[in-house]
Amino acid sequence: MNLRQWLLTALMTLGLAQAKGGPHVTSSLNCPLNSSPAKSVDCRWQVPAGTVRVVGDSPRYDIILSAHTQAGKLRWQEKKVSIIFGIQLLDGVLVIDTNSNGAGTMISSSTALISPKLNPPVWIWGSFIISRPSGHLALFTQEDVIRPEDDAGLSFQRVTLTPEIRVDPIHFDQPSRPSCGAAHGGWEAFGQPKFTQRYVYVMRQDSCGYFMTRFDWVTPDARPLSDAVSVTK
């Protein structure tokens, strides 16, 4: 890249930052965004507050997360028996997806969320599904109800990423249609739900047949929407 190209790139970057209301917190991540469970990981995330080191030894099912200040002083360190399945940045938050597959008798997924303030990780018992950047939100599974019974509805976790990380469990009861009896159909019964940046779409069945309904996962305490659409199966 010659000097003219470099200047043009710098000006474009500055212009984009100003258009968005000024530069955001800068960070540097050298971690693989899609980690392979068969490979080990040793990478760093650098932010103004310091550095997070992510070490994952897949053959030994060992994960070590630690944070140091810019001066090199240890802020915290956590160890976990698990495998790293993925690493990404969501709204400036480091998201580390782990799974205990093969380590012990329980198979479970959990996710570490680390803010650029480098507070200790917030652990979520579940896996990332989808994010809504405009609302600083993300949707996660709820591991203990990953296969809800027919009458249990659907349960997830809504995570607010900024200004502080907050985890709110959310639950949607089964919808019902007038004169059609109780609806049923578990997570596995009619295919996995479909997700958008606002809605969860699921297929259910009642005495009138199959129908598709949607749940608003963005709005707190939202009820299943009444615009259920009958479908042929």
C-alpha atoms as a PDB file:
ATOM      1  CA  MET A   1       0.000   0.000   0.000  1.00  0.00           C
ATOM      2  CA  ASN A   2       1.521   3.357  -1.037  1.00  0.00           C
ATOM      3  CA  LEU A   3       1.302   6.569   0.980  1.00  0.00           C
ATOM      4  CA  ARG A   4      -1.693   7.930  -0.961  1.00  0.00           C
ATOM      5  CA  GLN A   5      -3.695   4.738  -0.420  1.00  0.00           C
ATOM      6  CA  TRP A   6      -2.785   4.722   3.250  1.00  0.00           C
ATOM      7  CA  LEU A   7      -3.962   8.313   3.692  1.00  0.00           C
ATOM      8  CA  LEU A   8      -7.248   7.586   1.915  1.00  0.00           C
ATOM      9  CA  THR A   9      -7.833   4.557   4.132  1.00  0.00           C
ATOM     10  CA  ALA A  10      -7.073   6.552   7.275  1.00  0.00           C
ATOM     11  CA  LEU A  11      -9.425   9.355   6.250  1.00  0.00           C
ATOM     12  CA  MET A  12     -12.236   6.882   5.490  1.00  0.00           C
ATOM     13  CA  THR A  13     -11.748   5.176   8.857  1.00  0.00           C
ATOM     14  CA  LEU A  14     -11.820   8.518  10.694  1.00  0.00           C
ATOM     15  CA  GLY A  15     -14.908   9.596   8.771  1.00  0.00           C
ATOM     16  CA  LEU A  16     -16.777   6.396   9.632  1.00  0.00           C
ATOM     17  CA  ALA A  17     -15.891   6.794  13.300  1.00  0.00           C
ATOM     18  CA  GLN A  18     -17.067  10.416  13.345  1.00  0.00           C
ATOM     19  CA  ALA A  19     -20.270   9.489  11.518  1.00  0.00           C
ATOM     20  CA  LYS A  20     -21.052   7.005  14.259  1.00  0.00           C
ATOM     21  CA  GLY A  21     -20.548   9.597  16.981  1.00  0.00           C
ATOM     22  CA  GLY A  22     -16.805   9.278  17.514  1.00  0.00           C
ATOM     23  CA  PRO A  23     -14.313   6.417  17.785  1.00  0.00           C
ATOM     24  CA  HIS A  24     -15.289   3.370  19.819  1.00  0.00           C
ATOM     25  CA  VAL A  25     -13.116   1.455  22.263  1.00  0.00           C
ATOM     26  CA  THR A  26     -10.318   0.004  20.188  1.00  0.00           C
ATOM     27  CA  SER A  27      -9.264  -3.597  20.633  1.00  0.00           C
ATOM     28  CA  SER A  28      -7.048  -6.161  18.989  1.00  0.00           C
ATOM     29  CA  LEU A  29      -8.057  -9.828  18.843  1.00  0.00           C
ATOM     30  CA  ASN A  30      -5.726 -12.481  17.466  1.00  0.00           C
ATOM     31  CA  CYS A  31      -7.932 -15.420  18.433  1.00  0.00           C
ATOM     32  CA  PRO A  32      -9.371 -17.750  15.759  1.00  0.00           C
ATOM     33  CA  LEU A  33     -13.024 -16.776  15.258  1.00  0.00           C
ATOM     34  CA  ASN A  34     -14.064 -20.369  14.589  1.00  0.00           C
ATOM     35  CA  SER A  35     -12.087 -22.665  16.806  1.00  0.00           C
ATOM     36  CA  SER A  36     -11.848 -26.354  16.003  1.00  0.00           C
ATOM     37  CA  PRO A  37     -12.495 -28.640  18.986  1.00  0.00           C
ATOM     38  CA  ALA A  38      -9.560 -30.772  17.845  1.00  0.00           C
ATOM     39  CA  LYS A  39      -7.066 -27.905  18.105  1.00  0.00           C
ATOM     40  CA  SER A  40      -5.568 -26.045  21.028  1.00  0.00           C
ATOM     41  CA  VAL A  41      -5.887 -22.267  21.412  1.00  0.00           C
ATOM     42  CA  ASP A  42      -3.510 -19.695  22.897  1.00  0.00           C
ATOM     43  CA  CYS A  43      -4.458 -16.143  21.940  1.00  0.00           C
ATOM     44  CA  ARG A  44      -4.935 -12.642  23.320  1.00  0.00           C
ATOM     45  CA  TRP A  45      -7.482  -9.840  23.315  1.00  0.00           C
ATOM     46  CA  GLN A  46      -5.986  -6.407  23.901  1.00  0.00           C
ATOM     47  CA  VAL A  47      -8.088  -3.452  25.040  1.00  0.00           C
ATOM     48  CA  PRO A  48      -7.195  -0.137  26.723  1.00  0.00           C
ATOM     49  CA  ALA A  49      -7.796  -1.702  30.165  1.00  0.00           C
ATOM     50  CA  GLY A  50      -5.299  -4.502  29.554  1.00  0.00           C
ATOM     51  CA  THR A  51      -5.085  -7.945  27.966  1.00  0.00           C
ATOM     52  CA  VAL A  52      -7.156 -11.123  28.162  1.00  0.00           C
ATOM     53  CA  ARG A  53      -5.369 -14.387  27.452  1.00  0.00           C
ATOM     54  CA  VAL A  54      -7.376 -17.396  26.266  1.00  0.00           C
ATOM     55  CA  VAL A  55      -5.694 -20.793  26.544  1.00  0.00           C
ATOM     56  CA  GLY A  56      -7.471 -23.980  25.557  1.00  0.00           C
ATOM     57  CA  ASP A  57      -5.829 -27.416  25.574  1.00  0.00           C
ATOM     58  CA  SER A  58      -8.338 -29.621  23.730  1.00  0.00           C
ATOM     59  CA  PRO A  59      -6.681 -33.016  24.372  1.00  0.00           C
ATOM     60  CA  ARG A  60      -6.659 -32.322  28.118  1.00  0.00           C
ATOM     61  CA  TYR A  61     -10.037 -30.493  28.257  1.00  0.00           C
ATOM     62  CA  ASP A  62      -8.389 -27.536  29.992  1.00  0.00           C
ATOM     63  CA  ILE A  63      -9.340 -23.880  29.570  1.00  0.00           C
ATOM     64  CA  ILE A  64      -7.540 -21.028  31.326  1.00  0.00           C
ATOM     65  CA  LEU A  65      -8.848 -17.460  31.043  1.00  0.00           C
ATOM     66  CA  SER A  66      -6.869 -14.609  32.578  1.00  0.00           C
ATOM     67  CA  ALA A  67      -6.673 -10.819  32.458  1.00  0.00           C
ATOM     68  CA  HIS A  68      -3.721  -8.541  33.078  1.00  0.00           C
ATOM     69  CA  THR A  69      -3.447  -4.777  33.379  1.00  0.00           C
ATOM     70  CA  GLN A  70      -1.367  -2.774  30.929  1.00  0.00           C
ATOM     71  CA  ALA A  71       1.414  -2.920  33.519  1.00  0.00           C
ATOM     72  CA  GLY A  72       1.273  -6.719  33.500  1.00  0.00           C
ATOM     73  CA  LYS A  73      -0.419  -7.203  36.896  1.00  0.00           C
ATOM     74  CA  LEU A  74      -2.792 -10.193  37.086  1.00  0.00           C
ATOM     75  CA  ARG A  75      -6.399  -9.070  37.587  1.00  0.00           C
ATOM     76  CA  TRP A  76      -8.067 -12.485  37.612  1.00  0.00           C
ATOM     77  CA  GLN A  77      -7.683 -16.045  36.364  1.00  0.00           C
ATOM     78  CA  GLU A  78     -10.258 -18.809  35.903  1.00  0.00           C
ATOM     79  CA  LYS A  79      -9.859 -22.477  34.980  1.00  0.00           C
ATOM     80  CA  LYS A  80     -12.505 -24.732  33.481  1.00  0.00           C
ATOM     81  CA  VAL A  81     -12.703 -28.342  32.318  1.00  0.00           C
ATOM     82  CA  SER A  82     -14.049 -27.924  28.802  1.00  0.00           C
ATOM     83  CA  ILE A  83     -13.216 -27.368  25.111  1.00  0.00           C
ATOM     84  CA  ILE A  84     -13.331 -24.056  23.236  1.00  0.00           C
ATOM     85  CA  PHE A  85     -15.698 -24.253  20.269  1.00  0.00           C
ATOM     86  CA  GLY A  86     -15.733 -20.630  19.144  1.00  0.00           C
ATOM     87  CA  ILE A  87     -14.505 -17.119  19.922  1.00  0.00           C
ATOM     88  CA  GLN A  88     -16.040 -13.869  18.678  1.00  0.00           C
ATOM     89  CA  LEU A  89     -16.633 -10.218  19.521  1.00  0.00           C
ATOM     90  CA  LEU A  90     -20.229  -9.062  20.022  1.00  0.00           C
ATOM     91  CA  ASP A  91     -20.758  -5.356  20.615  1.00  0.00           C
ATOM     92  CA  GLY A  92     -17.245  -5.055  22.029  1.00  0.00           C
ATOM     93  CA  VAL A  93     -17.714  -8.054  24.346  1.00  0.00           C
ATOM     94  CA  LEU A  94     -15.488 -11.126  24.035  1.00  0.00           C
ATOM     95  CA  VAL A  95     -17.653 -14.252  23.688  1.00  0.00           C
ATOM     96  CA  ILE A  96     -16.053 -17.670  24.264  1.00  0.00           C
ATOM     97  CA  ASP A  97     -18.225 -20.694  23.491  1.00  0.00           C
ATOM     98  CA  THR A  98     -17.229 -23.859  25.365  1.00  0.00           C
ATOM     99  CA  ASN A  99     -18.492 -27.421  25.579  1.00  0.00           C
ATOM    100  CA  SER A 100     -17.737 -30.203  28.044  1.00  0.00           C
ATOM    101  CA  ASN A 101     -18.279 -32.952  25.444  1.00  0.00           C
ATOM    102  CA  GLY A 102     -16.215 -35.949  26.518  1.00  0.00           C
ATOM    103  CA  ALA A 103     -15.166 -34.506  29.874  1.00  0.00           C
ATOM    104  CA  GLY A 104     -17.018 -36.489  32.511  1.00  0.00           C
ATOM    105  CA  THR A 105     -20.533 -37.858  32.240  1.00  0.00           C
ATOM    106  CA  MET A 106     -22.387 -34.584  31.609  1.00  0.00           C
ATOM    107  CA  ILE A 107     -22.371 -32.902  28.185  1.00  0.00           C
ATOM    108  CA  SER A 108     -23.142 -29.207  28.522  1.00  0.00           C
ATOM    109  CA  SER A 109     -22.475 -25.911  26.757  1.00  0.00           C
ATOM    110  CA  SER A 110     -21.483 -22.720  28.520  1.00  0.00           C
ATOM    111  CA  THR A 111     -20.333 -19.331  27.300  1.00  0.00           C
ATOM    112  CA  ALA A 112     -17.976 -16.816  28.879  1.00  0.00           C
ATOM    113  CA  LEU A 113     -18.691 -13.110  28.322  1.00  0.00           C
ATOM    114  CA  ILE A 114     -15.862 -10.656  29.053  1.00  0.00           C
ATOM    115  CA  SER A 115     -16.424  -6.907  28.811  1.00  0.00           C
ATOM    116  CA  PRO A 116     -13.679  -4.477  27.683  1.00  0.00           C
ATOM    117  CA  LYS A 117     -13.554  -3.299  31.302  1.00  0.00           C
ATOM    118  CA  LEU A 118     -11.910  -6.698  31.962  1.00  0.00           C
ATOM    119  CA  ASN A 119     -14.185  -7.662  34.828  1.00  0.00           C
ATOM    120  CA  PRO A 120     -14.233 -11.414  35.587  1.00  0.00           C
ATOM    121  CA  PRO A 121     -16.206 -13.435  33.021  1.00  0.00           C
ATOM    122  CA  VAL A 122     -19.968 -13.674  33.171  1.00  0.00           C
ATOM    123  CA  TRP A 123     -20.771 -17.346  32.511  1.00  0.00           C
ATOM    124  CA  ILE A 124     -23.954 -18.378  30.729  1.00  0.00           C
ATOM    125  CA  TRP A 125     -25.146 -21.968  30.822  1.00  0.00           C
ATOM    126  CA  GLY A 126     -26.038 -22.145  27.151  1.00  0.00           C
ATOM    127  CA  SER A 127     -24.862 -21.282  23.635  1.00  0.00           C
ATOM    128  CA  PHE A 128     -25.098 -18.197  21.437  1.00  0.00           C
ATOM    129  CA  ILE A 129     -27.925 -18.158  18.871  1.00  0.00           C
ATOM    130  CA  ILE A 130     -28.249 -14.691  17.335  1.00  0.00           C
ATOM    131  CA  SER A 131     -27.580 -11.029  18.155  1.00  0.00           C
ATOM    132  CA  ARG A 132     -29.445  -7.763  17.684  1.00  0.00           C
ATOM    133  CA  PRO A 133     -26.687  -5.115  17.372  1.00  0.00           C
ATOM    134  CA  SER A 134     -29.108  -2.174  17.281  1.00  0.00           C
ATOM    135  CA  GLY A 135     -30.402  -3.140  20.711  1.00  0.00           C
ATOM    136  CA  HIS A 136     -27.087  -4.383  22.160  1.00  0.00           C
ATOM    137  CA  LEU A 137     -28.774  -7.738  22.741  1.00  0.00           C
ATOM    138  CA  ALA A 138     -27.991 -11.399  22.129  1.00  0.00           C
ATOM    139  CA  LEU A 139     -30.072 -14.562  22.432  1.00  0.00           C
ATOM    140  CA  PHE A 140     -28.701 -17.740  24.012  1.00  0.00           C
ATOM    141  CA  THR A 141     -30.067 -21.206  24.637  1.00  0.00           C
ATOM    142  CA  GLN A 142     -30.927 -22.229  28.180  1.00  0.00           C
ATOM    143  CA  GLU A 143     -28.939 -25.406  28.657  1.00  0.00           C
ATOM    144  CA  ASP A 144     -31.101 -27.082  31.275  1.00  0.00           C
ATOM    145  CA  VAL A 145     -34.176 -26.911  29.010  1.00  0.00           C
ATOM    146  CA  ILE A 146     -32.540 -27.497  25.637  1.00  0.00           C
ATOM    147  CA  ARG A 147     -35.193 -30.152  24.940  1.00  0.00           C
ATOM    148  CA  PRO A 148     -38.370 -28.918  26.621  1.00  0.00           C
ATOM    149  CA  GLU A 149     -41.365 -31.208  26.958  1.00  0.00           C
ATOM    150  CA  ASP A 150     -44.375 -30.702  24.709  1.00  0.00           C
ATOM    151  CA  ASP A 151     -46.194 -28.596  27.272  1.00  0.00           C
ATOM    152  CA  ALA A 152     -43.151 -26.699  28.556  1.00  0.00           C
ATOM    153  CA  GLY A 153     -42.999 -24.022  25.878  1.00  0.00           C
ATOM    154  CA  LEU A 154     -39.654 -22.515  24.955  1.00  0.00           C
ATOM    155  CA  SER A 155     -36.974 -21.093  27.247  1.00  0.00           C
ATOM    156  CA  PHE A 156     -34.003 -18.930  26.292  1.00  0.00           C
ATOM    157  CA  GLN A 157     -31.681 -16.313  27.769  1.00  0.00           C
ATOM    158  CA  ARG A 158     -31.655 -12.695  26.617  1.00  0.00           C
ATOM    159  CA  VAL A 159     -28.310 -10.994  27.224  1.00  0.00           C
ATOM    160  CA  THR A 160     -27.795  -7.244  27.343  1.00  0.00           C
ATOM    161  CA  LEU A 161     -24.200  -6.611  26.278  1.00  0.00           C
ATOM    162  CA  THR A 162     -23.711  -2.905  27.048  1.00  0.00           C
ATOM    163  CA  PRO A 163     -23.263  -0.760  29.066  1.00  0.00           C
ATOM    164  CA  GLU A 164     -23.165  -3.684  31.510  1.00  0.00           C
ATOM    165  CA  ILE A 165     -23.598  -7.404  30.852  1.00  0.00           C
ATOM    166  CA  ARG A 166     -26.978  -8.621  32.126  1.00  0.00           C
ATOM    167  CA  VAL A 167     -28.585 -12.042  31.681  1.00  0.00           C
ATOM    168  CA  ASP A 168     -32.383 -12.401  31.758  1.00  0.00           C
ATOM    169  CA  PRO A 169     -34.035 -15.850  31.446  1.00  0.00           C
ATOM    170  CA  ILE A 170     -37.105 -15.709  29.190  1.00  0.00           C
ATOM    171  CA  HIS A 171     -39.844 -18.275  28.743  1.00  0.00           C
ATOM    172  CA  PHE A 172     -42.631 -18.530  26.170  1.00  0.00           C
ATOM    173  CA  ASP A 173     -45.693 -20.614  26.984  1.00  0.00           C
ATOM    174  CA  GLN A 174     -47.346 -22.686  24.301  1.00  0.00           C
ATOM    175  CA  PRO A 175     -49.720 -20.597  22.152  1.00  0.00           C
ATOM    176  CA  SER A 176     -53.350 -21.536  21.745  1.00  0.00           C
ATOM    177  CA  ARG A 177     -56.024 -20.948  19.108  1.00  0.00           C
ATOM    178  CA  PRO A 178     -59.751 -20.573  19.791  1.00  0.00           C
ATOM    179  CA  SER A 179     -61.644 -23.888  19.674  1.00  0.00           C
ATOM    180  CA  CYS A 180     -58.495 -25.792  18.672  1.00  0.00           C
ATOM    181  CA  GLY A 181     -57.503 -27.276  22.012  1.00  0.00           C
ATOM    182  CA  ALA A 182     -54.022 -27.291  23.498  1.00  0.00           C
ATOM    183  CA  ALA A 183     -51.028 -26.822  21.224  1.00  0.00           C
ATOM    184  CA  HIS A 184     -48.058 -29.124  21.510  1.00  0.00           C
ATOM    185  CA  GLY A 185     -44.780 -29.902  19.843  1.00  0.00           C
ATOM    186  CA  GLY A 186     -41.420 -29.875  21.597  1.00  0.00           C
ATOM    187  CA  TRP A 187     -38.126 -28.466  20.428  1.00  0.00           C
ATOM    188  CA  GLU A 188     -37.359 -31.594  18.450  1.00  0.00           C
ATOM    189  CA  ALA A 189     -40.883 -32.476  17.314  1.00  0.00           C
ATOM    190  CA  PHE A 190     -41.288 -30.390  14.157  1.00  0.00           C
ATOM    191  CA  GLY A 191     -37.808 -29.107  13.471  1.00  0.00           C
ATOM    192  CA  GLN A 192     -35.683 -26.505  15.185  1.00  0.00           C
ATOM    193  CA  PRO A 193     -37.064 -22.989  15.678  1.00  0.00           C
ATOM    194  CA  LYS A 194     -36.007 -20.277  13.230  1.00  0.00           C
ATOM    195  CA  PHE A 195     -34.487 -17.101  14.624  1.00  0.00           C
ATOM    196  CA  THR A 196     -34.330 -13.492  13.454  1.00  0.00           C
ATOM    197  CA  GLN A 197     -32.990 -10.382  15.182  1.00  0.00           C
ATOM    198  CA  ARG A 198     -36.382  -9.995  16.866  1.00  0.00           C
ATOM    199  CA  TYR A 199     -38.506 -13.137  16.608  1.00  0.00           C
ATOM    200  CA  VAL A 200     -38.399 -16.864  17.257  1.00  0.00           C
ATOM    201  CA  TYR A 201     -40.584 -18.772  14.768  1.00  0.00           C
ATOM    202  CA  VAL A 202     -41.809 -22.227  15.753  1.00  0.00           C
ATOM    203  CA  MET A 203     -44.212 -24.800  14.328  1.00  0.00           C
ATOM    204  CA  ARG A 204     -46.835 -26.260  16.642  1.00  0.00           C
ATOM    205  CA  GLN A 205     -49.838 -28.567  16.325  1.00  0.00           C
ATOM    206  CA  ASP A 206     -53.332 -28.523  17.823  1.00  0.00           C
ATOM    207  CA  SER A 207     -56.625 -30.215  16.963  1.00  0.00           C
ATOM    208  CA  CYS A 208     -57.066 -27.836  13.998  1.00  0.00           C
ATOM    209  CA  GLY A 209     -53.730 -28.810  12.445  1.00  0.00           C
ATOM    210  CA  TYR A 210     -50.215 -27.437  12.203  1.00  0.00           C
ATOM    211  CA  PHE A 211     -49.526 -23.738  12.560  1.00  0.00           C
ATOM    212  CA  MET A 212     -46.581 -21.364  12.763  1.00  0.00           C
ATOM    213  CA  THR A 213     -46.345 -18.805  15.535  1.00  0.00           C
ATOM    214  CA  ARG A 214     -43.702 -16.335  16.621  1.00  0.00           C
ATOM    215  CA  PHE A 215     -42.320 -15.039  19.882  1.00  0.00           C
ATOM    216  CA  ASP A 216     -40.760 -11.617  20.452  1.00  0.00           C
ATOM    217  CA  TRP A 217     -37.488 -12.282  22.296  1.00  0.00           C
ATOM    218  CA  VAL A 218     -36.414  -8.613  22.298  1.00  0.00           C
ATOM    219  CA  THR A 219     -39.311  -7.120  24.283  1.00  0.00           C
ATOM    220  CA  PRO A 220     -39.367  -8.031  28.006  1.00  0.00           C
ATOM    221  CA  ASP A 221     -42.433 -10.016  29.112  1.00  0.00           C
ATOM    222  CA  ALA A 222     -43.710 -10.330  25.543  1.00  0.00           C
ATOM    223  CA  ARG A 223     -46.452 -12.867  24.916  1.00  0.00           C
ATOM    224  CA  PRO A 224     -46.706 -15.161  21.877  1.00  0.00           C
ATOM    225  CA  LEU A 225     -48.037 -13.133  18.954  1.00  0.00           C
ATOM    226  CA  SER A 226     -51.588 -13.909  17.913  1.00  0.00           C
ATOM    227  CA  ASP A 227     -50.912 -13.928  14.181  1.00  0.00           C
ATOM    228  CA  ALA A 228     -50.599 -17.709  14.077  1.00  0.00           C
ATOM    229  CA  VAL A 229     -50.551 -18.924  10.472  1.00  0.00           C
ATOM    230  CA  SER A 230     -51.917 -22.359   9.573  1.00  0.00           C
ATOM    231  CA  VAL A 231     -49.571 -24.472   7.499  1.00  0.00           C
ATOM    232  CA  THR A 232     -49.933 -27.714   5.598  1.00  0.00           C
ATOM    233  CA  LYS A 233     -47.635 -30.582   6.484  1.00  0.00           C
END
